[in-house]
Amino acid sequence: MRNLLGATLTLALLAVTPAVAESTVISPNGSRPSAKGPAQTFTGSVTVDPLYAANEHTTSSGGHVTFEPGARSAWHTHPAGQVLIVTSGTGWVQEEGGQKREIKPGDVIWTPPGVKHWHGATATTGVGHIAITNMLDGKNVDWLEHVTDEQYR
């Protein structure tokens, strides 16, 4: 019975696969325009390089975000959580009510849904990370107030 169920599921997945992905899509480096992080959601010099957007086949989106020294996000939450993968430099991440925690290349940070936090560069060192979020009810982030200089120090 288990073998029959497994075979049935496999055939069902094979039947659906062509409709889900018709072919591999390559988005060449440099083909996605960079954007300056908006002052409403960031402090300091931040560059956002989009990697991919949510679409009919995936609810996740990703971007590479580069923070110059002293730059940081505003406080925010994610309705479906967030993964950060640090690619360069040294930065900080902090949950509301918690201590700043140092992040370095190769670190992977998981922030659960609804946890108020911020992340960015240290005062003297820039940081880059890949940010991956999922959409929930059409939204992947809820931006809140800016991190004050006092909170940042």
Protein backbone atom coordinates (compact mmCIF):
# COMPACT_ATOMS: atom_id res chain seq x y z
CA MET A 1 0.00 0.00 0.00
CA ARG A 2 2.84 2.44 0.88
CA ASN A 3 4.55 1.67 -2.44
CA LEU A 4 1.33 2.36 -4.31
CA LEU A 5 0.89 5.66 -2.47
CA GLY A 6 4.52 6.63 -3.16
CA ALA A 7 4.20 5.77 -6.85
CA THR A 8 0.94 7.71 -7.11
CA LEU A 9 2.50 10.80 -5.48
CA THR A 10 5.55 10.57 -7.74
CA LEU A 11 3.39 10.37 -10.87
CA ALA A 12 1.25 13.25 -9.64
CA LEU A 13 4.34 15.42 -9.09
CA LEU A 14 5.74 14.51 -12.50
CA ALA A 15 2.46 15.46 -14.12
CA VAL A 16 2.52 18.89 -12.44
CA THR A 17 6.21 19.71 -12.90
CA PRO A 18 6.08 20.87 -16.58
CA ALA A 19 3.31 23.34 -15.75
CA VAL A 20 5.30 24.76 -12.84
CA ALA A 21 8.66 25.32 -14.53
CA GLU A 22 8.86 25.42 -18.29
CA SER A 23 12.56 26.25 -18.40
CA THR A 24 15.41 27.58 -16.32
CA VAL A 25 15.67 31.35 -16.17
CA ILE A 26 19.05 33.05 -15.74
CA SER A 27 19.09 36.65 -14.64
CA PRO A 28 22.62 37.87 -15.49
CA ASN A 29 24.58 39.89 -12.97
CA GLY A 30 24.15 43.56 -13.78
CA SER A 31 20.76 43.06 -15.44
CA ARG A 32 18.85 44.00 -12.28
CA PRO A 33 19.24 47.70 -11.43
CA SER A 34 20.51 48.66 -7.97
CA ALA A 35 18.49 51.05 -5.85
CA LYS A 36 19.39 53.36 -2.99
CA GLY A 37 17.76 52.25 0.26
CA PRO A 38 14.96 54.76 0.88
CA ALA A 39 15.29 57.19 3.80
CA GLN A 40 11.87 56.10 5.09
CA THR A 41 13.26 52.62 5.91
CA PHE A 42 17.04 53.08 6.24
CA THR A 43 19.52 55.38 7.95
CA GLY A 44 22.78 56.09 6.11
CA SER A 45 24.02 54.82 2.77
CA VAL A 46 22.37 51.55 1.73
CA THR A 47 22.29 49.87 -1.68
CA VAL A 48 19.70 47.24 -2.55
CA ASP A 49 20.45 44.86 -5.42
CA PRO A 50 17.32 42.82 -6.20
CA LEU A 51 18.01 39.14 -6.88
CA TYR A 52 14.53 37.74 -7.52
CA ALA A 53 10.91 38.59 -6.82
CA ALA A 54 8.00 36.53 -5.56
CA ASN A 55 5.88 35.21 -8.40
CA GLU A 56 3.18 32.65 -9.17
CA HIS A 57 5.58 29.80 -8.34
CA THR A 58 7.31 31.07 -5.17
CA THR A 59 6.31 33.28 -2.29
CA SER A 60 9.91 34.21 -1.49
CA SER A 61 11.97 37.12 -2.74
CA GLY A 62 15.64 37.90 -2.32
CA GLY A 63 18.01 40.81 -2.50
CA HIS A 64 21.61 41.67 -1.73
CA VAL A 65 21.76 44.64 0.62
CA THR A 66 24.97 46.61 1.24
CA PHE A 67 25.26 48.93 4.25
CA GLU A 68 28.08 51.47 4.48
CA PRO A 69 29.58 52.06 7.97
CA GLY A 70 26.92 53.48 10.30
CA ALA A 71 24.02 52.52 8.01
CA ARG A 72 21.12 50.42 9.25
CA SER A 73 17.53 49.44 8.65
CA ALA A 74 14.61 50.87 10.59
CA TRP A 75 12.92 48.63 13.13
CA HIS A 76 10.71 46.15 11.29
CA THR A 77 9.00 42.76 11.39
CA HIS A 78 8.35 40.09 8.78
CA PRO A 79 4.99 38.30 8.70
CA ALA A 80 6.65 35.09 7.44
CA GLY A 81 10.14 35.57 8.94
CA GLN A 82 13.45 36.44 7.28
CA VAL A 83 16.75 34.77 6.47
CA LEU A 84 19.94 36.85 6.21
CA ILE A 85 23.14 35.39 4.77
CA VAL A 86 26.11 37.64 5.50
CA THR A 87 28.40 37.99 2.45
CA SER A 88 30.92 40.65 3.50
CA GLY A 89 32.06 42.94 6.30
CA THR A 90 30.84 43.05 9.87
CA GLY A 91 27.41 44.11 11.04
CA TRP A 92 24.91 44.03 13.84
CA VAL A 93 21.46 42.58 14.29
CA GLN A 94 19.25 43.36 17.27
CA GLU A 95 15.83 42.23 18.45
CA GLU A 96 13.72 44.63 20.47
CA GLY A 97 14.73 44.34 24.12
CA GLY A 98 17.85 42.32 23.29
CA GLN A 99 21.55 43.03 22.87
CA LYS A 100 23.18 43.89 19.54
CA ARG A 101 24.79 40.79 18.09
CA GLU A 102 27.73 40.83 15.70
CA ILE A 103 27.33 39.17 12.30
CA LYS A 104 30.13 38.20 9.89
CA PRO A 105 30.52 36.57 6.46
CA GLY A 106 29.05 33.09 6.33
CA ASP A 107 26.66 33.70 9.23
CA VAL A 108 23.03 32.77 8.55
CA ILE A 109 20.46 34.62 10.64
CA TRP A 110 16.84 33.48 11.00
CA THR A 111 14.37 36.01 12.39
CA PRO A 112 11.00 34.42 13.19
CA PRO A 113 7.69 35.93 12.04
CA GLY A 114 6.62 39.03 13.96
CA VAL A 115 9.92 39.61 15.80
CA LYS A 116 10.76 43.34 15.87
CA HIS A 117 14.39 43.84 14.86
CA TRP A 118 16.90 45.86 12.86
CA HIS A 119 20.17 45.04 11.12
CA GLY A 120 22.99 46.94 9.49
CA ALA A 121 26.66 47.87 9.54
CA THR A 122 28.77 48.60 12.59
CA ALA A 123 29.83 52.19 13.17
CA THR A 124 33.21 51.54 11.50
CA THR A 125 32.67 48.61 9.12
CA GLY A 126 30.22 48.07 6.28
CA VAL A 127 28.29 44.83 5.83
CA GLY A 128 26.60 43.03 2.96
CA HIS A 129 23.97 40.34 3.20
CA ILE A 130 21.47 38.44 1.12
CA ALA A 131 17.97 38.88 2.53
CA ILE A 132 15.29 36.29 1.79
CA THR A 133 11.69 36.83 2.84
CA ASN A 134 8.36 35.17 2.08
CA MET A 135 5.10 36.88 1.30
CA LEU A 136 2.11 36.41 3.58
CA ASP A 137 -1.18 37.96 2.49
CA GLY A 138 0.73 39.97 -0.12
CA LYS A 139 3.26 41.42 2.33
CA ASN A 140 6.84 40.53 3.30
CA VAL A 141 7.76 43.33 5.72
CA ASP A 142 6.15 45.79 8.12
CA TRP A 143 8.36 48.87 8.52
CA LEU A 144 8.29 50.67 11.85
CA GLU A 145 10.19 53.61 13.40
CA HIS A 146 13.84 54.41 12.76
CA VAL A 147 16.56 53.09 15.06
CA THR A 148 17.74 56.15 16.99
CA ASP A 149 21.43 57.02 17.29
CA GLU A 150 21.18 56.22 21.01
CA GLN A 151 19.75 52.74 20.29
CA TYR A 152 22.39 52.17 17.61
CA ARG A 153 25.37 53.01 19.85
